[in-house]
């Protein structure tokens, strides 16, 4: 069972169980005010569509979307804002496809997997809407166009992460800051590392306590690009309890730095951090934040999407759990 499988809007199929979970993305690029999207043609189905596919075993929906883009058009890019999911029937039942926007730099060479994709085509959204074979694929396209119109499409991710499952506090006799991850937490940290590659943060801001460090280090060590890591004592349980304003200041710093980043801390610190994030939310988003303890489960994260230009505010967010077997 996918740990991040959401309760989705199934307005046209109320109460019907989802038989197939899939994920994909709409690749886009912009030149001035002109927006283009990349369509793919799949010879197996003789259709024009977006990169998408079914989940592999042990994979989350965001990981699936990023993988399908790599496999089908050869681009390893950072996922952007979430787009509306689609639902349609296949022989085994109802299929759900979760979509994200994904920006493709102009310098990126598209290298389609010829076994899956025999044509790619950059075009305007209007032309894409006419060409799409599956009409349900129009809904995420319209959302992408609307986000571009509002200046909400080109974004960077700021990620709030709760550390992976630690050994029980009651059984730990050494210093609290040295408490390590449980065996299941070690596996969870590896899953967190894989999940973070979807958004490719270049800054890691973390409590220096062992369980937080051990949660983010798999990502830092596996990252292909240089990732800066900053240890902040104010993000520890003790530090935040003494000086909550300084813990909150770590959130403000994420917005000020202007870089894709992840902030890792502890359950007791989450209310302080979430309260500060709430001050940056665009109208209508506050209801999407967790409001009660434990706020996030071990290893769970929230991705706050912030426009790369203009006012520093969150225009979309999503809450995701790593795959947990």
Protein backbone atom coordinates (compact mmCIF):
# COMPACT_ATOMS: atom_id res chain seq x y z
CA UNK A 1 0.00 0.00 0.00
CA UNK A 2 1.38 3.44 -0.96
CA UNK A 3 1.95 5.47 2.17
CA UNK A 4 1.24 8.74 0.36
CA UNK A 5 -1.95 7.63 -1.42
CA UNK A 6 -4.29 10.57 -0.89
CA UNK A 7 -8.03 10.82 -0.52
CA UNK A 8 -8.79 12.22 -3.96
CA UNK A 9 -11.63 14.21 -5.43
CA UNK A 10 -13.69 11.68 -7.34
CA UNK A 11 -16.63 13.91 -8.16
CA UNK A 12 -17.55 11.89 -11.23
CA UNK A 13 -16.96 8.52 -9.53
CA UNK A 14 -18.14 8.97 -5.92
CA UNK A 15 -17.13 6.15 -3.60
CA UNK A 16 -15.66 3.99 -6.36
CA UNK A 17 -12.38 2.33 -5.31
CA UNK A 18 -9.28 3.09 -7.36
CA UNK A 19 -7.93 -0.01 -9.06
CA UNK A 20 -4.84 1.54 -10.68
CA UNK A 21 -2.65 4.34 -9.28
CA UNK A 22 -0.44 6.20 -11.74
CA UNK A 23 1.42 9.49 -11.90
CA UNK A 24 2.81 11.85 -14.48
CA UNK A 25 3.75 15.42 -15.27
CA UNK A 26 3.17 18.16 -17.81
CA UNK A 27 6.55 19.42 -19.05
CA UNK A 28 6.55 23.15 -19.78
CA UNK A 29 8.81 26.01 -20.76
CA UNK A 30 8.30 29.72 -21.22
CA UNK A 31 9.81 32.46 -23.35
CA UNK A 32 8.53 35.77 -22.06
CA UNK A 33 4.77 35.48 -21.86
CA UNK A 34 4.64 32.57 -24.28
CA UNK A 35 3.96 29.20 -22.63
CA UNK A 36 4.69 25.88 -24.33
CA UNK A 37 4.01 22.34 -23.19
CA UNK A 38 5.62 19.11 -24.35
CA UNK A 39 3.35 16.36 -25.63
CA UNK A 40 4.39 12.79 -26.28
CA UNK A 41 3.04 10.27 -28.79
CA UNK A 42 3.00 6.66 -27.63
CA UNK A 43 2.92 4.19 -30.55
CA UNK A 44 1.62 1.40 -28.32
CA UNK A 45 -1.61 3.32 -27.76
CA UNK A 46 -1.40 5.68 -30.77
CA UNK A 47 -2.23 8.60 -28.49
CA UNK A 48 -1.00 12.10 -27.66
CA UNK A 49 -0.54 12.43 -23.94
CA UNK A 50 1.72 13.57 -21.09
CA UNK A 51 4.56 11.48 -19.61
CA UNK A 52 2.86 9.16 -17.13
CA UNK A 53 2.79 5.57 -15.92
CA UNK A 54 1.87 3.16 -13.15
CA UNK A 55 3.68 3.02 -9.84
CA UNK A 56 6.56 0.62 -9.38
CA UNK A 57 6.75 -1.43 -6.21
CA UNK A 58 8.04 0.65 -3.28
CA UNK A 59 7.48 3.95 -5.06
CA UNK A 60 5.51 7.05 -4.08
CA UNK A 61 3.38 9.02 -6.52
CA UNK A 62 5.83 11.96 -6.82
CA UNK A 63 8.72 9.54 -7.42
CA UNK A 64 6.68 7.81 -10.09
CA UNK A 65 5.96 11.10 -11.87
CA UNK A 66 9.63 12.12 -11.86
CA UNK A 67 10.73 8.67 -13.06
CA UNK A 68 8.25 8.64 -15.93
CA UNK A 69 9.57 12.00 -17.13
CA UNK A 70 13.16 10.68 -16.99
CA UNK A 71 12.25 7.49 -18.80
CA UNK A 72 9.95 8.88 -21.46
CA UNK A 73 11.64 12.16 -22.42
CA UNK A 74 15.08 11.83 -20.82
CA UNK A 75 14.78 14.88 -18.54
CA UNK A 76 15.79 14.82 -14.87
CA UNK A 77 14.02 17.92 -13.59
CA UNK A 78 12.52 19.12 -10.31
CA UNK A 79 8.77 18.57 -9.84
CA UNK A 80 6.77 21.76 -9.53
CA UNK A 81 3.26 22.47 -8.34
CA UNK A 82 0.73 19.63 -8.07
CA UNK A 83 -2.01 19.64 -10.70
CA UNK A 84 -5.51 18.13 -10.55
CA UNK A 85 -5.63 14.32 -10.80
CA UNK A 86 -7.59 12.57 -13.51
CA UNK A 87 -9.85 9.54 -13.23
CA UNK A 88 -11.03 7.21 -15.97
CA UNK A 89 -12.00 3.59 -16.35
CA UNK A 90 -9.70 0.86 -17.65
CA UNK A 91 -10.51 -2.86 -17.96
CA UNK A 92 -9.62 -3.59 -14.31
CA UNK A 93 -11.58 -0.65 -12.89
CA UNK A 94 -11.04 3.02 -12.07
CA UNK A 95 -7.61 4.50 -12.82
CA UNK A 96 -6.28 7.59 -11.05
CA UNK A 97 -3.38 9.64 -12.43
CA UNK A 98 -1.77 12.30 -10.22
CA UNK A 99 -0.07 15.11 -12.15
CA UNK A 100 2.58 17.73 -11.45
CA UNK A 101 3.99 20.59 -13.48
CA UNK A 102 7.65 20.19 -14.40
CA UNK A 103 9.76 22.96 -15.89
CA UNK A 104 12.16 21.96 -18.66
CA UNK A 105 15.03 24.36 -19.22
CA UNK A 106 15.59 25.52 -22.79
CA UNK A 107 19.09 24.02 -22.73
CA UNK A 108 17.71 20.54 -21.97
CA UNK A 109 17.95 18.06 -24.81
CA UNK A 110 14.87 15.86 -25.04
CA UNK A 111 15.85 12.22 -25.48
CA UNK A 112 12.68 10.13 -25.70
CA UNK A 113 12.67 6.42 -24.99
CA UNK A 114 11.98 5.18 -28.50
CA UNK A 115 10.45 1.97 -27.18
CA UNK A 116 7.74 4.01 -25.43
CA UNK A 117 7.67 7.36 -27.25
CA UNK A 118 8.14 7.84 -30.99
CA UNK A 119 7.37 11.59 -31.15
CA UNK A 120 7.61 14.62 -28.89
CA UNK A 121 6.07 17.98 -29.71
CA UNK A 122 6.40 21.40 -28.10
CA UNK A 123 3.25 23.41 -28.69
CA UNK A 124 0.91 26.01 -27.24
CA UNK A 125 -1.62 24.91 -24.60
CA UNK A 126 -4.45 25.58 -27.05
CA UNK A 127 -2.94 23.22 -29.62
CA UNK A 128 -2.22 20.65 -26.92
CA UNK A 129 -5.87 20.73 -25.84
CA UNK A 130 -6.93 19.95 -29.40
CA UNK A 131 -4.41 17.11 -29.77
CA UNK A 132 -4.91 15.30 -26.46
CA UNK A 133 -6.41 11.88 -27.06
CA UNK A 134 -7.74 11.33 -23.54
CA UNK A 135 -10.03 14.27 -22.76
CA UNK A 136 -9.50 13.84 -19.01
CA UNK A 137 -5.93 15.09 -19.58
CA UNK A 138 -7.28 18.56 -20.33
CA UNK A 139 -8.05 19.35 -16.66
CA UNK A 140 -4.42 19.40 -15.44
CA UNK A 141 -3.46 21.39 -18.56
CA UNK A 142 -6.02 24.08 -17.78
CA UNK A 143 -4.75 24.27 -14.18
CA UNK A 144 -1.19 24.68 -15.46
CA UNK A 145 -2.23 27.50 -17.80
CA UNK A 146 -4.10 29.23 -14.98
CA UNK A 147 -1.06 28.97 -12.69
CA UNK A 148 1.10 30.53 -15.42
CA UNK A 149 -1.38 33.39 -15.85
CA UNK A 150 -1.23 34.14 -12.11
CA UNK A 151 2.57 33.88 -11.90
CA UNK A 152 2.35 30.69 -9.83
CA UNK A 153 3.92 28.20 -12.25
CA UNK A 154 7.67 28.76 -11.91
CA UNK A 155 8.28 27.82 -8.27
CA UNK A 156 10.90 26.50 -5.89
CA UNK A 157 10.20 24.00 -3.10
CA UNK A 158 10.62 24.65 0.61
CA UNK A 159 10.17 21.40 2.51
CA UNK A 160 9.32 20.83 6.16
CA UNK A 161 10.39 17.35 7.29
CA UNK A 162 9.87 15.46 10.53
CA UNK A 163 12.77 13.12 11.29
CA UNK A 164 12.32 9.38 10.74
CA UNK A 165 11.24 7.02 13.51
CA UNK A 166 13.68 7.08 16.44
CA UNK A 167 14.36 4.56 19.17
CA UNK A 168 11.88 4.94 22.06
CA UNK A 169 12.61 7.78 24.44
CA UNK A 170 11.76 5.52 27.39
CA UNK A 171 14.49 3.00 26.53
CA UNK A 172 17.23 5.55 25.81
CA UNK A 173 19.70 6.17 28.66
CA UNK A 174 22.24 8.43 26.93
CA UNK A 175 22.02 12.09 25.97
CA UNK A 176 18.78 12.98 24.23
CA UNK A 177 20.62 14.57 21.33
CA UNK A 178 22.40 11.28 20.64
CA UNK A 179 19.21 9.18 20.37
CA UNK A 180 19.40 7.25 17.12
CA UNK A 181 16.91 6.03 14.59
CA UNK A 182 15.13 2.72 15.10
CA UNK A 183 15.78 -0.01 12.54
CA UNK A 184 12.54 0.93 10.79
CA UNK A 185 13.64 4.58 10.94
CA UNK A 186 16.88 3.78 9.12
CA UNK A 187 14.85 2.26 6.27
CA UNK A 188 12.52 5.23 6.42
CA UNK A 189 15.45 7.66 6.12
CA UNK A 190 16.56 5.88 2.96
CA UNK A 191 13.03 6.29 1.59
CA UNK A 192 13.08 9.98 2.56
CA UNK A 193 16.36 10.35 0.68
CA UNK A 194 14.80 8.91 -2.48
CA UNK A 195 11.72 11.07 -2.11
CA UNK A 196 13.69 14.30 -1.70
CA UNK A 197 15.37 13.75 -5.07
CA UNK A 198 12.01 14.59 -6.63
CA UNK A 199 12.37 18.23 -5.48
CA UNK A 200 16.19 18.39 -5.38
CA UNK A 201 16.71 20.82 -2.46
CA UNK A 202 20.17 22.40 -2.54
CA UNK A 203 20.10 23.53 1.10
CA UNK A 204 19.47 21.30 4.12
CA UNK A 205 18.71 23.07 7.40
CA UNK A 206 18.42 20.69 10.32
CA UNK A 207 18.50 20.18 14.04
CA UNK A 208 21.96 18.82 14.89
CA UNK A 209 20.50 16.03 17.01
CA UNK A 210 21.42 12.59 15.72
CA UNK A 211 17.96 11.44 14.62
CA UNK A 212 17.50 14.49 12.39
CA UNK A 213 20.98 14.24 10.89
CA UNK A 214 20.51 10.55 10.16
CA UNK A 215 17.24 11.36 8.37
CA UNK A 216 18.73 13.89 5.93
CA UNK A 217 22.19 12.40 5.37
CA UNK A 218 21.07 9.69 2.90
CA UNK A 219 19.82 12.45 0.60
CA UNK A 220 22.92 14.62 1.08
CA UNK A 221 25.29 11.72 0.39
CA UNK A 222 23.40 10.48 -2.67
CA UNK A 223 22.86 13.91 -4.23
CA UNK A 224 24.56 14.43 -7.55
CA UNK A 225 24.83 18.15 -7.00
CA UNK A 226 26.48 20.01 -4.16
CA UNK A 227 24.13 20.32 -1.20
CA UNK A 228 24.87 22.71 1.64
CA UNK A 229 23.90 21.51 5.11
CA UNK A 230 23.39 23.89 8.04
CA UNK A 231 23.01 22.76 11.66
CA UNK A 232 20.71 24.97 13.74
CA UNK A 233 20.65 24.42 17.49
CA UNK A 234 17.40 26.40 17.74
CA UNK A 235 15.64 23.58 15.84
CA UNK A 236 16.32 21.02 18.59
CA UNK A 237 13.56 20.27 21.09
CA UNK A 238 15.45 22.04 23.87
CA UNK A 239 16.45 25.02 21.74
CA UNK A 240 12.97 25.62 20.36
CA UNK A 241 11.41 25.32 23.83
CA UNK A 242 13.76 28.01 25.17
CA UNK A 243 13.66 30.35 22.18
CA UNK A 244 10.72 29.56 19.85
CA UNK A 245 11.22 32.82 17.95
CA UNK A 246 14.67 31.69 16.86
CA UNK A 247 13.25 28.37 15.67
CA UNK A 248 10.65 30.29 13.67
CA UNK A 249 13.43 32.45 12.24
CA UNK A 250 14.81 29.35 10.50
CA UNK A 251 11.62 29.30 8.41
CA UNK A 252 11.96 32.97 7.50
CA UNK A 253 15.54 32.28 6.43
CA UNK A 254 14.34 29.66 3.93
CA UNK A 255 12.26 32.29 2.15
CA UNK A 256 15.04 34.89 2.32
CA UNK A 257 17.70 32.63 0.78
CA UNK A 258 15.70 32.01 -2.41
CA UNK A 259 16.92 28.42 -2.85
CA UNK A 260 15.13 25.04 -2.90
CA UNK A 261 15.55 23.79 0.66
CA UNK A 262 14.49 21.24 3.27
CA UNK A 263 14.17 21.91 7.00
CA UNK A 264 14.25 18.90 9.35
CA UNK A 265 13.14 19.04 12.98
CA UNK A 266 11.23 17.26 15.77
CA UNK A 267 7.54 16.69 16.53
CA UNK A 268 7.44 19.13 19.49
CA UNK A 269 8.89 21.88 17.28
CA UNK A 270 6.40 21.43 14.42
CA UNK A 271 3.67 23.75 15.81
CA UNK A 272 6.13 26.64 15.95
CA UNK A 273 7.41 25.99 12.44
CA UNK A 274 3.94 25.46 10.95
CA UNK A 275 2.71 28.68 12.55
CA UNK A 276 5.52 30.57 10.81
CA UNK A 277 4.88 28.88 7.46
CA UNK A 278 1.21 29.81 7.81
CA UNK A 279 2.14 33.51 7.68
CA UNK A 280 3.48 32.99 4.14
CA UNK A 281 0.45 31.16 2.73
CA UNK A 282 -1.64 32.54 -0.11
CA UNK A 283 -5.35 32.87 0.73
CA UNK A 284 -7.23 29.59 0.91
CA UNK A 285 -4.26 27.35 1.72
CA UNK A 286 -4.33 27.46 5.53
CA UNK A 287 -6.95 24.71 5.73
CA UNK A 288 -4.52 22.30 4.03
CA UNK A 289 -2.03 22.43 6.91
CA UNK A 290 -2.21 19.84 9.73
CA UNK A 291 -3.57 21.37 12.93
CA UNK A 292 -3.27 18.66 15.59
CA UNK A 293 -0.56 16.56 17.18
CA UNK A 294 1.48 14.78 15.79
CA UNK A 295 1.11 17.13 12.75
CA UNK A 296 3.42 14.90 10.70
CA UNK A 297 4.22 11.22 11.14
CA UNK A 298 7.91 10.20 11.28
CA UNK A 299 9.53 10.81 7.90
CA UNK A 300 6.54 12.73 6.57
CA UNK A 301 7.00 16.08 4.87
CA UNK A 302 5.15 19.09 3.51
CA UNK A 303 6.28 20.75 0.29
CA UNK A 304 5.59 24.48 0.11
CA UNK A 305 5.77 25.82 -3.46
CA UNK A 306 7.00 29.43 -3.67
CA UNK A 307 7.24 31.49 -6.90
CA UNK A 308 10.81 32.15 -7.99
CA UNK A 309 9.91 35.76 -8.79
CA UNK A 310 7.73 38.31 -7.09
CA UNK A 311 6.25 38.15 -3.63
CA UNK A 312 7.61 35.43 -1.34
CA UNK A 313 4.49 33.47 -0.52
CA UNK A 314 3.32 29.87 -0.77
CA UNK A 315 1.00 29.31 -3.75
CA UNK A 316 0.60 25.51 -3.41
CA UNK A 317 1.45 22.84 -0.90
CA UNK A 318 1.34 19.07 -0.59
CA UNK A 319 1.82 16.61 2.27
CA UNK A 320 3.68 13.40 1.41
CA UNK A 321 4.81 10.29 3.25
CA UNK A 322 7.80 8.23 2.08
CA UNK A 323 7.08 4.68 1.07
CA UNK A 324 6.96 2.61 4.24
CA UNK A 325 7.05 -1.17 3.95
